Protein backbone atom coordinates (compact mmCIF):
# COMPACT_ATOMS: atom_id res chain seq x y z
CA MET A 1 -75.58 14.05 64.60
CA TRP A 2 -71.90 14.54 63.90
CA HIS A 3 -70.73 15.80 60.51
CA ILE A 4 -67.11 14.70 60.01
CA SER A 5 -64.90 17.19 58.13
CA ASN A 6 -66.36 18.52 54.86
CA GLU A 7 -66.26 17.24 51.28
CA PHE A 8 -63.27 14.94 51.64
CA GLY A 9 -60.93 15.12 48.66
CA GLY A 10 -57.41 15.61 47.40
CA GLU A 11 -54.23 13.53 47.42
CA CYS A 12 -51.19 13.88 49.65
CA TYR A 13 -47.64 13.41 48.34
CA CYS A 14 -45.75 14.30 51.51
CA PRO A 15 -42.94 11.99 52.74
CA LEU A 16 -45.19 10.54 55.44
CA CYS A 17 -47.88 9.54 52.96
CA ILE A 18 -45.32 8.16 50.52
CA LYS A 19 -44.05 5.92 53.31
CA ARG A 20 -47.62 4.91 54.13
CA PHE A 21 -48.16 4.05 50.47
CA GLN A 22 -45.08 1.82 50.48
CA ASP A 23 -46.24 0.10 53.68
CA TYR A 24 -49.75 -0.27 52.24
CA LEU A 25 -48.34 -2.01 49.15
CA ALA A 26 -46.03 -4.22 51.20
CA ASP A 27 -48.98 -5.38 53.27
CA LYS A 28 -51.17 -5.94 50.21
CA PHE A 29 -48.53 -8.01 48.41
CA ASP A 30 -47.39 -10.01 51.47
CA ASN A 31 -44.05 -8.18 51.66
CA ASP A 32 -43.07 -9.95 48.43
CA ILE A 33 -41.92 -7.43 45.82
CA SER A 34 -41.97 -10.12 43.14
CA LYS A 35 -45.75 -10.45 43.57
CA LEU A 36 -46.18 -6.74 42.95
CA ASN A 37 -43.85 -6.83 39.94
CA LYS A 38 -45.86 -9.66 38.42
CA ALA A 39 -49.26 -8.06 39.16
CA TRP A 40 -48.15 -4.78 37.59
CA TRP A 41 -46.34 -6.52 34.67
CA ASN A 42 -43.23 -4.57 35.57
CA THR A 43 -40.85 -6.49 33.31
CA PHE A 44 -42.27 -4.34 30.52
CA TRP A 45 -40.07 -1.26 29.98
CA SER A 46 -37.76 -2.46 32.80
CA HIS A 47 -40.04 -1.30 35.61
CA ASN A 48 -39.16 -4.01 38.14
CA TYR A 49 -38.64 -2.81 41.71
CA ASN A 50 -36.11 -4.35 44.07
CA SER A 51 -37.89 -3.23 47.22
CA PHE A 52 -41.09 -1.47 48.29
CA SER A 53 -39.01 1.52 49.43
CA GLN A 54 -38.25 2.30 45.77
CA ILE A 55 -41.91 2.87 44.90
CA GLU A 56 -43.07 6.45 44.52
CA PRO A 57 -46.58 7.76 43.78
CA PRO A 58 -47.37 8.64 40.14
CA PHE A 59 -45.88 12.13 40.30
CA ALA A 60 -46.61 14.37 37.31
CA ASN A 61 -42.87 14.46 36.62
CA GLY A 62 -42.32 10.83 37.60
CA GLU A 63 -43.67 7.39 36.68
CA ILE A 64 -47.07 7.76 35.00
CA THR A 65 -47.04 4.80 32.58
CA SER A 66 -47.65 1.97 35.06
CA LEU A 67 -51.36 1.10 35.11
CA GLY A 68 -51.01 -0.94 38.30
CA LEU A 69 -49.27 1.94 40.07
CA ASP A 70 -51.90 4.45 38.94
CA LEU A 71 -54.76 2.28 40.14
CA GLU A 72 -53.24 1.32 43.49
CA TRP A 73 -52.41 4.96 44.22
CA LYS A 74 -56.09 5.85 43.82
CA ARG A 75 -57.12 2.90 45.98
CA PHE A 76 -54.53 3.92 48.56
CA THR A 77 -55.79 7.51 48.57
CA THR A 78 -59.26 6.22 49.46
CA TRP A 79 -57.81 3.94 52.14
CA ASN A 80 -55.66 6.74 53.54
CA MET A 81 -58.55 9.23 53.67
CA THR A 82 -60.85 6.63 55.20
CA ASP A 83 -58.28 5.85 57.87
CA TYR A 84 -58.11 9.55 58.74
CA MET A 85 -61.91 9.75 58.87
CA LYS A 86 -62.05 6.67 61.11
CA SER A 87 -59.68 8.32 63.59
CA GLU A 88 -62.13 11.19 64.01
CA ILE A 89 -65.12 8.85 64.23
CA LYS A 90 -63.39 6.72 66.87
CA LEU A 91 -62.95 9.68 69.18
CA LEU A 92 -66.54 10.86 68.75
CA LYS A 93 -67.94 7.38 69.31
CA GLU A 94 -65.99 7.10 72.54
CA LEU A 95 -67.36 10.43 73.81
CA THR A 96 -70.89 10.31 72.34
CA PRO A 97 -71.66 6.72 71.30
CA GLU A 98 -75.37 7.45 70.89
CA ILE A 99 -74.91 10.19 68.25
CA PRO A 100 -74.79 9.05 64.59
CA VAL A 101 -72.01 10.14 62.26
CA THR A 102 -72.01 11.23 58.62
CA THR A 103 -69.92 13.15 56.12
CA ASN A 104 -70.97 14.87 52.93
CA PHE A 105 -70.17 13.11 49.66
CA MET A 106 -70.15 14.86 46.28
CA GLY A 107 -72.05 12.60 43.91
CA LEU A 108 -69.77 10.84 41.44
CA TYR A 109 -66.63 12.67 42.59
CA GLY A 110 -63.75 10.80 41.00
CA GLY A 111 -61.07 11.18 43.65
CA LEU A 112 -62.36 8.70 46.24
CA ASP A 113 -64.23 5.42 46.27
CA TYR A 114 -67.17 6.48 48.40
CA ARG A 115 -68.36 2.91 48.96
CA VAL A 116 -65.24 2.20 51.02
CA MET A 117 -65.87 5.27 53.16
CA ALA A 118 -69.60 4.58 53.45
CA LYS A 119 -68.97 1.44 55.50
CA GLU A 120 -67.75 3.62 58.39
CA LEU A 121 -70.76 5.98 58.42
CA ASP A 122 -74.13 5.66 60.13
CA VAL A 123 -75.97 7.69 57.50
CA ILE A 124 -75.16 8.64 53.91
CA SER A 125 -75.37 12.33 53.04
CA TRP A 126 -74.33 14.30 50.01
CA ASP A 127 -74.09 17.73 48.38
CA CYS A 128 -76.30 18.10 45.30
CA TYR A 129 -75.58 20.89 42.83
CA PRO A 130 -76.63 19.90 39.29
CA ALA A 131 -76.17 22.38 36.44
CA LEU A 132 -79.87 22.90 35.77
CA HIS A 133 -81.13 24.95 32.80
CA ASN A 134 -77.95 24.29 30.80
CA GLN A 135 -77.51 24.35 27.01
CA TRP A 136 -76.13 20.84 26.42
CA GLU A 137 -79.10 18.75 27.56
CA SER A 138 -82.80 19.14 28.25
CA PHE A 139 -84.07 19.98 31.72
CA THR A 140 -85.65 16.52 31.83
CA GLU A 141 -82.28 14.89 31.15
CA SER A 142 -80.60 17.02 33.83
CA MET A 143 -83.14 15.84 36.38
CA GLU A 144 -82.81 12.21 35.26
CA ASN A 145 -79.03 12.41 35.66
CA ASN A 146 -79.54 13.87 39.12
CA SER A 147 -81.82 10.96 39.95
CA PHE A 148 -78.95 8.59 39.10
CA ASP A 149 -76.71 10.41 41.59
CA HIS A 150 -79.38 10.16 44.29
CA ALA A 151 -79.75 6.44 43.59
CA THR A 152 -75.98 5.97 43.87
CA MET A 153 -75.96 7.63 47.28
CA ARG A 154 -79.07 5.79 48.50
CA SER A 155 -77.72 2.42 47.46
CA MET A 156 -74.73 2.68 49.78
CA LYS A 157 -77.08 1.95 52.71
CA LYS A 158 -80.22 0.52 51.16
CA ASP A 159 -81.99 -0.20 54.44
CA LYS A 160 -82.30 3.44 55.56
CA PRO A 161 -82.97 6.90 54.11
CA PHE A 162 -80.07 9.11 53.09
CA MET A 163 -79.75 12.86 53.61
CA LEU A 164 -79.61 15.72 51.15
CA MET A 165 -76.94 17.57 53.13
CA GLU A 166 -76.27 20.55 50.87
CA SER A 167 -78.29 22.18 48.13
CA ALA A 168 -78.88 25.74 46.98
CA PRO A 169 -82.39 27.20 46.82
CA GLY A 170 -81.11 29.60 44.16
CA LEU A 171 -77.90 29.72 42.17
CA VAL A 172 -74.41 28.47 42.97
CA ASN A 173 -71.27 30.52 42.45
CA TRP A 174 -68.76 28.13 40.89
CA GLN A 175 -70.31 26.65 37.73
CA GLN A 176 -69.36 27.96 34.29
CA TYR A 177 -72.74 29.67 34.04
CA ASN A 178 -74.56 30.22 37.33
CA LYS A 179 -78.27 30.10 36.55
CA VAL A 180 -80.99 30.64 39.11
CA LYS A 181 -83.65 27.95 39.49
CA ARG A 182 -86.80 28.85 37.57
CA LEU A 183 -90.19 29.25 39.26
CA GLY A 184 -91.30 25.96 40.81
CA VAL A 185 -87.99 24.15 40.21
CA HIS A 186 -86.85 24.44 43.82
CA LYS A 187 -89.80 22.37 45.03
CA LEU A 188 -89.44 19.86 42.19
CA PHE A 189 -85.68 19.48 42.75
CA SER A 190 -86.11 19.06 46.52
CA MET A 191 -88.97 16.59 46.20
CA GLN A 192 -86.88 14.52 43.80
CA ALA A 193 -84.37 13.96 46.60
CA VAL A 194 -87.15 12.81 48.92
CA ALA A 195 -88.66 10.63 46.19
CA CYS A 196 -85.29 8.94 45.71
CA GLY A 197 -85.00 8.12 49.41
CA SER A 198 -83.80 11.21 51.29
CA ASP A 199 -85.38 12.16 54.61
CA THR A 200 -83.95 15.69 54.59
CA VAL A 201 -83.72 18.77 52.39
CA GLN A 202 -80.93 21.03 53.65
CA TYR A 203 -79.07 24.05 52.35
CA PHE A 204 -75.73 25.59 52.10
CA GLN A 205 -76.32 28.24 53.16
CA TRP A 206 -78.84 29.93 55.47
CA ARG A 207 -77.53 33.42 54.82
CA LYS A 208 -75.03 34.70 52.26
CA GLY A 209 -71.67 35.75 53.66
CA ARG A 210 -70.56 39.32 52.92
CA GLY A 211 -67.17 38.40 51.51
CA SER A 212 -64.74 35.77 50.26
CA PHE A 213 -65.16 32.96 47.75
CA GLU A 214 -68.81 32.05 48.38
CA GLN A 215 -70.32 35.49 48.94
CA TYR A 216 -72.67 34.93 45.97
CA HIS A 217 -73.45 31.27 46.57
CA GLY A 218 -77.18 30.67 46.98
CA ALA A 219 -78.84 31.03 50.38
CA VAL A 220 -82.27 31.22 51.97
CA VAL A 221 -81.61 34.80 53.11
CA ASP A 222 -79.95 37.03 50.52
CA HIS A 223 -77.85 40.15 51.05
CA ILE A 224 -81.07 42.16 51.00
CA GLY A 225 -81.75 40.62 54.41
CA THR A 226 -85.55 40.21 54.21
CA ASP A 227 -88.06 37.33 54.21
CA ASP A 228 -90.14 38.55 51.25
CA THR A 229 -87.85 37.41 48.42
CA ARG A 230 -88.94 34.82 45.86
CA ILE A 231 -86.42 32.29 47.12
CA PHE A 232 -87.36 32.72 50.77
CA LYS A 233 -91.03 32.21 49.90
CA GLU A 234 -90.26 29.09 47.86
CA VAL A 235 -88.29 27.64 50.77
CA GLU A 236 -91.21 28.43 53.07
CA GLU A 237 -93.61 26.70 50.67
CA LEU A 238 -91.39 23.63 50.56
CA GLY A 239 -91.50 23.42 54.36
CA THR A 240 -95.30 23.21 54.16
CA VAL A 241 -95.11 20.50 51.49
CA LEU A 242 -92.67 18.42 53.56
CA GLU A 243 -95.00 18.63 56.55
CA LYS A 244 -97.82 17.20 54.44
CA ILE A 245 -95.78 14.14 53.48
CA SER A 246 -94.02 13.67 56.83
CA LYS A 247 -95.55 10.21 57.29
CA ALA A 248 -93.33 9.02 54.44
CA ALA A 249 -90.21 9.68 56.53
CA GLY A 250 -88.31 6.53 57.40
CA THR A 251 -89.71 4.53 54.49
CA ALA A 252 -87.40 2.88 51.99
CA ILE A 253 -87.15 2.10 48.28
CA LYS A 254 -87.16 -1.59 47.41
CA ALA A 255 -85.57 -1.94 43.99
CA LYS A 256 -85.63 -5.21 42.06
CA ALA A 257 -83.19 -4.01 39.41
CA ALA A 258 -79.56 -2.99 39.86
CA LEU A 259 -76.85 -1.32 37.82
CA LEU A 260 -73.22 -2.20 38.56
CA TYR A 261 -70.95 0.83 39.02
CA ASP A 262 -67.43 0.61 40.47
CA TRP A 263 -65.11 3.51 41.15
CA ASP A 264 -61.96 1.48 40.47
CA ASN A 265 -63.51 0.18 37.24
CA ARG A 266 -64.01 3.83 36.30
CA TRP A 267 -60.38 4.61 37.15
CA ALA A 268 -59.18 1.65 35.10
CA ILE A 269 -61.23 2.72 32.08
CA GLU A 270 -59.95 6.28 32.33
CA ASP A 271 -56.39 4.90 32.26
CA ILE A 272 -56.80 2.59 29.25
CA LYS A 273 -54.01 3.20 26.76
CA GLY A 274 -56.19 2.59 23.76
CA LEU A 275 -59.68 3.38 22.48
CA SER A 276 -60.26 7.14 22.60
CA ASN A 277 -59.89 9.49 25.54
CA GLU A 278 -62.76 11.55 24.13
CA THR A 279 -65.38 8.81 24.03
CA LYS A 280 -64.88 6.48 27.00
CA LYS A 281 -67.79 8.12 28.87
CA TYR A 282 -68.32 5.51 31.56
CA ASN A 283 -70.46 7.75 33.76
CA GLU A 284 -72.55 8.94 30.83
CA THR A 285 -73.14 5.37 29.66
CA CYS A 286 -74.34 4.26 33.09
CA ARG A 287 -76.65 7.27 33.37
CA ASP A 288 -78.05 6.66 29.90
CA ILE A 289 -79.12 3.13 30.78
CA TYR A 290 -80.48 4.18 34.19
CA ARG A 291 -82.54 6.85 32.43
CA GLU A 292 -84.34 4.27 30.30
CA PHE A 293 -85.31 2.18 33.32
CA LEU A 294 -86.47 5.37 35.03
CA ARG A 295 -88.69 6.12 32.05
CA LEU A 296 -90.21 2.65 32.43
CA GLY A 297 -90.95 3.34 36.09
CA ILE A 298 -88.47 0.63 37.18
CA GLU A 299 -86.43 1.55 40.25
CA MET A 300 -82.72 0.72 40.15
CA ASP A 301 -80.09 0.50 42.84
CA ILE A 302 -76.56 1.52 41.83
CA ILE A 303 -74.26 -1.00 43.49
CA ALA A 304 -70.69 -2.27 43.50
CA SER A 305 -70.10 -5.33 41.34
CA ASP A 306 -68.83 -7.37 44.30
CA SER A 307 -71.48 -6.30 46.80
CA GLY A 308 -73.81 -9.21 45.97
CA PHE A 309 -76.81 -8.95 43.67
CA MET A 310 -78.71 -12.21 44.09
CA GLU A 311 -81.62 -10.28 45.67
CA TYR A 312 -82.39 -8.58 42.34
CA ASP A 313 -84.29 -9.80 39.30
CA ILE A 314 -82.52 -7.61 36.72
CA VAL A 315 -78.84 -6.61 36.66
CA ILE A 316 -77.18 -4.30 34.13
CA ALA A 317 -73.38 -4.23 33.86
CA PRO A 318 -72.30 -1.37 31.58
CA MET A 319 -68.64 -1.38 30.53
CA LEU A 320 -67.57 -3.68 33.37
CA TYR A 321 -64.00 -3.57 32.08
CA MET A 322 -62.45 -4.77 35.35
CA LEU A 323 -63.71 -7.96 36.96
CA ARG A 324 -63.22 -8.08 40.69
CA PRO A 325 -62.63 -11.53 42.21
CA GLY A 326 -65.79 -13.61 42.39
CA VAL A 327 -67.94 -11.32 40.21
CA ALA A 328 -67.98 -13.65 37.21
CA ASP A 329 -69.09 -16.57 39.38
CA GLU A 330 -71.86 -14.46 40.90
CA MET A 331 -73.04 -13.45 37.44
CA LYS A 332 -73.31 -17.11 36.46
CA ALA A 333 -75.17 -17.99 39.64
CA PHE A 334 -77.49 -15.01 39.20
CA VAL A 335 -78.53 -15.96 35.68
CA LYS A 336 -78.71 -19.66 36.47
CA LYS A 337 -81.30 -19.05 39.21
CA GLY A 338 -83.47 -17.03 36.82
CA GLY A 339 -81.94 -13.54 36.75
CA GLN A 340 -81.92 -11.29 33.72
CA LEU A 341 -78.40 -9.94 33.07
CA LEU A 342 -77.18 -7.49 30.42
CA ALA A 343 -73.54 -6.57 29.80
CA THR A 344 -72.04 -4.31 27.16
CA TYR A 345 -68.88 -3.92 25.10
CA LEU A 346 -65.66 -3.63 27.11
CA THR A 347 -66.78 -6.20 29.68
CA GLY A 348 -64.24 -8.40 31.45
CA TYR A 349 -61.03 -7.30 29.78
CA VAL A 350 -58.82 -7.13 32.89
CA ASP A 351 -58.55 -8.43 36.45
CA LYS A 352 -58.24 -6.36 39.63
CA ASP A 353 -54.59 -5.59 38.85
CA GLN A 354 -55.31 -4.54 35.26
CA LEU A 355 -53.82 -7.70 33.74
CA CYS A 356 -55.72 -8.81 30.62
CA HIS A 357 -57.76 -11.98 30.83
CA LEU A 358 -56.61 -14.67 28.39
CA GLY A 359 -58.84 -16.93 26.36
CA GLY A 360 -61.21 -14.27 25.02
CA PHE A 361 -63.19 -11.34 26.36
CA PRO A 362 -65.26 -11.20 28.49
CA GLY A 363 -62.84 -13.13 30.66
CA ASP A 364 -62.90 -15.22 33.83
CA GLY A 365 -65.34 -17.72 32.30
CA LEU A 366 -67.92 -15.19 31.07
CA THR A 367 -67.55 -16.24 27.45
CA GLU A 368 -69.44 -19.38 28.50
CA LEU A 369 -72.18 -17.38 30.23
CA PHE A 370 -72.82 -15.01 27.32
CA GLY A 371 -72.04 -17.50 24.56
CA ILE A 372 -69.78 -15.04 22.74
CA ALA A 373 -66.16 -13.92 22.57
CA SER A 374 -65.05 -10.45 21.59
CA GLU A 375 -62.17 -10.62 19.10
CA GLU A 376 -61.68 -6.91 18.42
CA ILE A 377 -63.08 -3.55 19.47
CA ASP A 378 -63.30 -0.82 16.83
CA THR A 379 -63.12 2.81 17.93
CA LEU A 380 -65.27 5.05 15.73
CA TYR A 381 -64.59 8.67 14.86
CA PRO A 382 -67.58 11.02 15.18
CA CYS A 383 -67.76 11.02 11.37
CA ASP A 384 -67.90 7.20 11.14
CA HIS A 385 -71.26 5.58 10.56
CA ASN A 386 -72.60 2.21 11.58
CA ALA A 387 -75.85 0.80 12.87
CA ALA A 388 -77.40 -2.34 14.31
CA LEU A 389 -80.26 -4.05 12.48
CA PHE A 390 -82.58 -5.88 14.88
CA LYS A 391 -84.66 -8.95 14.01
CA ASP A 392 -87.87 -6.89 14.04
CA GLY A 393 -86.47 -4.56 11.38
CA SER A 394 -85.69 -1.66 13.72
CA ILE A 395 -82.36 0.13 13.35
CA ALA A 396 -80.19 1.63 16.08
CA GLU A 397 -77.31 4.01 15.37
CA ILE A 398 -73.90 2.95 16.72
CA LYS A 399 -71.38 5.46 18.04
CA ASP A 400 -67.88 5.31 19.50
CA TYR A 401 -67.33 1.53 19.90
CA ALA A 402 -68.15 -1.71 18.11
CA GLU A 403 -66.86 -5.16 19.02
CA THR A 404 -66.58 -7.98 16.53
CA LEU A 405 -68.07 -11.03 18.21
CA ARG A 406 -67.53 -14.75 17.81
CA VAL A 407 -70.79 -16.52 18.71
CA ASN A 408 -70.79 -19.85 20.54
CA GLY A 409 -74.23 -20.78 21.79
CA ALA A 410 -75.86 -17.34 21.84
CA ARG A 411 -78.72 -16.30 19.58
CA VAL A 412 -78.25 -13.16 17.51
CA ILE A 413 -80.64 -10.28 18.20
CA ALA A 414 -79.02 -7.63 15.97
CA THR A 415 -76.26 -7.45 13.34
CA TYR A 416 -73.95 -4.72 12.08
CA MET A 417 -75.01 -2.89 8.91
CA GLU A 418 -71.71 -1.37 7.76
CA ASP A 419 -67.96 -1.94 7.41
CA PHE A 420 -66.06 -5.20 7.05
CA TYR A 421 -68.02 -6.71 9.94
CA LYS A 422 -71.36 -6.07 8.25
CA GLY A 423 -73.81 -8.88 8.98
CA THR A 424 -71.93 -10.12 12.04
CA PRO A 425 -73.50 -10.12 15.52
CA ALA A 426 -73.84 -6.83 17.42
CA VAL A 427 -76.36 -7.87 20.12
CA THR A 428 -76.87 -11.40 21.44
CA ALA A 429 -78.72 -13.34 24.12
CA LYS A 430 -78.18 -16.73 25.67
CA ASP A 431 -80.43 -18.70 27.98
CA TYR A 432 -78.41 -20.00 30.90
CA GLY A 433 -80.15 -22.07 33.52
CA LYS A 434 -83.46 -20.34 34.27
CA GLY A 435 -82.31 -16.88 33.18
CA THR A 436 -80.93 -15.01 30.19
CA ALA A 437 -77.61 -13.27 29.58
CA TYR A 438 -77.70 -10.43 27.03
CA TYR A 439 -74.59 -8.90 25.44
CA VAL A 440 -74.58 -5.56 23.63
CA GLY A 441 -71.34 -5.37 21.65
CA ALA A 442 -71.61 -1.75 20.50
CA ARG A 443 -72.52 1.63 21.96
CA ILE A 444 -76.22 1.98 21.25
CA ALA A 445 -78.32 4.69 22.85
CA GLY A 446 -80.33 3.46 25.83
CA SER A 447 -83.55 4.56 24.14
CA LYS A 448 -82.84 2.08 21.34
CA MET A 449 -82.42 -0.75 23.84
CA GLN A 450 -85.74 -0.17 25.58
CA GLU A 451 -87.33 -3.18 23.88
CA ILE A 452 -84.61 -5.38 25.39
CA PHE A 453 -85.13 -3.79 28.79
CA LEU A 454 -88.88 -4.40 28.53
CA GLU A 455 -88.26 -8.03 27.56
CA MET A 456 -86.01 -8.43 30.59
CA ALA A 457 -88.64 -6.86 32.85
CA GLU A 458 -91.38 -9.13 31.55
CA LYS A 459 -89.22 -12.24 31.95
CA ALA A 460 -88.37 -11.15 35.49
CA GLY A 461 -91.96 -10.29 36.34
CA ALA A 462 -90.85 -6.76 37.25
CA GLU A 463 -93.57 -4.14 37.54
CA HIS A 464 -93.23 -1.26 35.11
CA LYS A 465 -95.37 1.76 34.36
CA GLU A 466 -96.58 3.69 31.35
CA LEU A 467 -95.19 7.17 31.98
CA PRO A 468 -95.36 10.26 29.77
CA LEU A 469 -91.96 11.51 28.65
CA GLY A 470 -90.63 13.82 31.33
CA VAL A 471 -92.46 12.23 34.26
CA GLU A 472 -90.31 10.54 36.91
CA TYR A 473 -91.73 7.98 39.33
CA HIS A 474 -90.45 6.50 42.58
CA LYS A 475 -92.10 4.50 45.33
CA ARG A 476 -91.15 4.48 49.00
CA THR A 477 -92.69 1.74 51.10
CA ALA A 478 -93.19 0.60 54.66
CA GLU A 479 -95.23 -2.27 56.01
CA GLY A 480 -98.79 -1.96 54.73
CA GLU A 481 -98.39 1.38 52.94
CA SER A 482 -96.64 3.00 50.02
CA TYR A 483 -95.95 6.51 48.77
CA GLY A 484 -95.74 7.03 45.02
CA PHE A 485 -93.87 10.17 43.96
CA TYR A 486 -94.69 11.61 40.53
CA LEU A 487 -92.42 14.42 39.30
CA ASN A 488 -93.06 16.38 36.12
CA ASN A 489 -89.56 17.24 34.88
CA SER A 490 -90.94 19.16 31.92
CA GLU A 491 -92.54 22.49 31.06
CA GLU A 492 -95.75 20.90 29.80
CA THR A 493 -98.81 19.56 31.62
CA LYS A 494 -98.68 15.77 31.77
CA MET A 495 -101.39 13.14 32.29
CA VAL A 496 -100.39 9.92 34.04
CA LYS A 497 -102.67 6.89 33.63
CA ASN A 498 -103.61 4.20 36.15
CA VAL A 499 -102.93 6.13 39.34
CA THR A 500 -104.99 5.41 42.46
CA GLY A 501 -104.71 6.67 46.03
CA ILE A 502 -104.73 9.89 48.04
CA ASN A 503 -102.59 12.82 46.91
CA LEU A 504 -101.05 14.01 50.17
CA LEU A 505 -100.29 17.45 48.73
CA ASN A 506 -103.94 18.41 48.24
CA GLY A 507 -105.86 15.66 50.05
CA GLU A 508 -107.71 14.63 46.88
CA LYS A 509 -108.41 11.06 45.85
CA VAL A 510 -107.02 10.00 42.50
CA ASN A 511 -108.68 7.17 40.61
CA GLY A 512 -107.33 6.78 37.10
CA ILE A 513 -105.76 9.95 35.69
CA LEU A 514 -103.25 12.14 37.54
CA GLU A 515 -102.70 15.62 36.09
CA LEU A 516 -99.32 17.25 36.69
CA ASP A 517 -98.75 20.89 35.83
CA LYS A 518 -95.39 22.24 34.65
CA TYR A 519 -92.77 21.17 37.24
CA GLY A 520 -95.65 19.62 39.18
CA VAL A 521 -95.33 17.08 42.00
CA ALA A 522 -97.77 14.59 43.51
CA VAL A 523 -97.31 12.12 46.36
CA ILE A 524 -99.87 9.31 46.25
CA GLU A 525 -100.48 7.37 49.45
CA LYS A 526 -101.79 3.83 49.16
CA LYS A 527 -102.58 1.48 51.98
CA ALA A 528 -102.70 -2.27 51.62
CA CYS A 529 -106.52 -2.25 51.73
CA ILE A 530 -106.90 0.20 48.80
């Protein structure tokens, strides 16, 4: 296959790209500068333009206070880079139309909206370099976060496997602390990619270069130049493991739950002139919720809010601050037909141009769906204390954000325990058509919302599993067969209940209890007749 360029990134401020930006805006706003001025609210601080030729990018020493300008520059950068990529693809497709094309993404890299670029590619591939064995989270949490990144990549083309394009069998050379993978972690890490939908495990690099910036970046062959090193042997072992599960190649993951994640929503949140720059944490919030579904054995796709989600039974919309056109209507239709939907604080504040919705948040008609309206959002210092008291008596700590809610048709699930809004709603639910719309008005740890997630799963009839803490589960399927991947992301032996099938790694039949050693992996094959 063709690999186009390498790790696309960066922004260009040259005169040619500035002119392209002006033309891009003119086309987007129908050559009517008044439309742009209105969309960007440019009467504020006398920012009105007289022509598109006056518009400059948000230079560091220029205009950096226009939210519409900031956002459109990021969208333009994606469009501009995609246009460049398309020019290379066009030439290759003319010369070798039968050869597929990819390029290597970098997880949740913030400079480009990968979903725009993904539309032009035949296969999704990415470079995976998590900071394993760090001091700010457990190894289990690092692996769960990495699973989220795999799911994001996989979900860009759900009908086919993706590719793990780059990984390091040992250390990398550019993190703050460059730790080597511990014994057994290379196999676990690589099998996680396959479990999440990859059909390849590839490395940068085969052999370490003698000099320059990446002379100490991990490789299969080290500077010692022999095949008897620990890392070489672990790579060799992985090759044997992949051969044993080769029949799983080409199979897909069929998720019935989805989490909405938009790059331009992320950019808009990062640019909010309010709240706290220290605690916005959009990525972390999305990962936290994904982690809890992972611990329930429920597979999630990570999709764009406007990509369509009627095929799912459960949809989670964390911090969906920006509502793209049509998303609110799709949410209503989804719940009305029986879907289970959960949104959080900071939902539906602005439209695609970052203009606030009027009539109450969440806007664009979502106050009717959720049966609430958010009047205020309180930003909490780390030293502030509040909590949510649930109807069953359980208590969940609240950090960072708390909305005061006006209820209109929703039932209250939890109330605030402190401050002037003590006793007012913090978490609500409203039946709408055949489904239910949940609203979580404060930042509550995902682990404290697991009861809500279980309730949603049971209402949706979604299969979930009883998994020991630290065990990750994924299932790849094809017609008449399935492959269940069990990964022990912990340093303790784990016992998994209710597992049946053939473990492809050792050929043994499992009927009830599956034992996983430290960093252990099992791939359980089941045919329709079993």
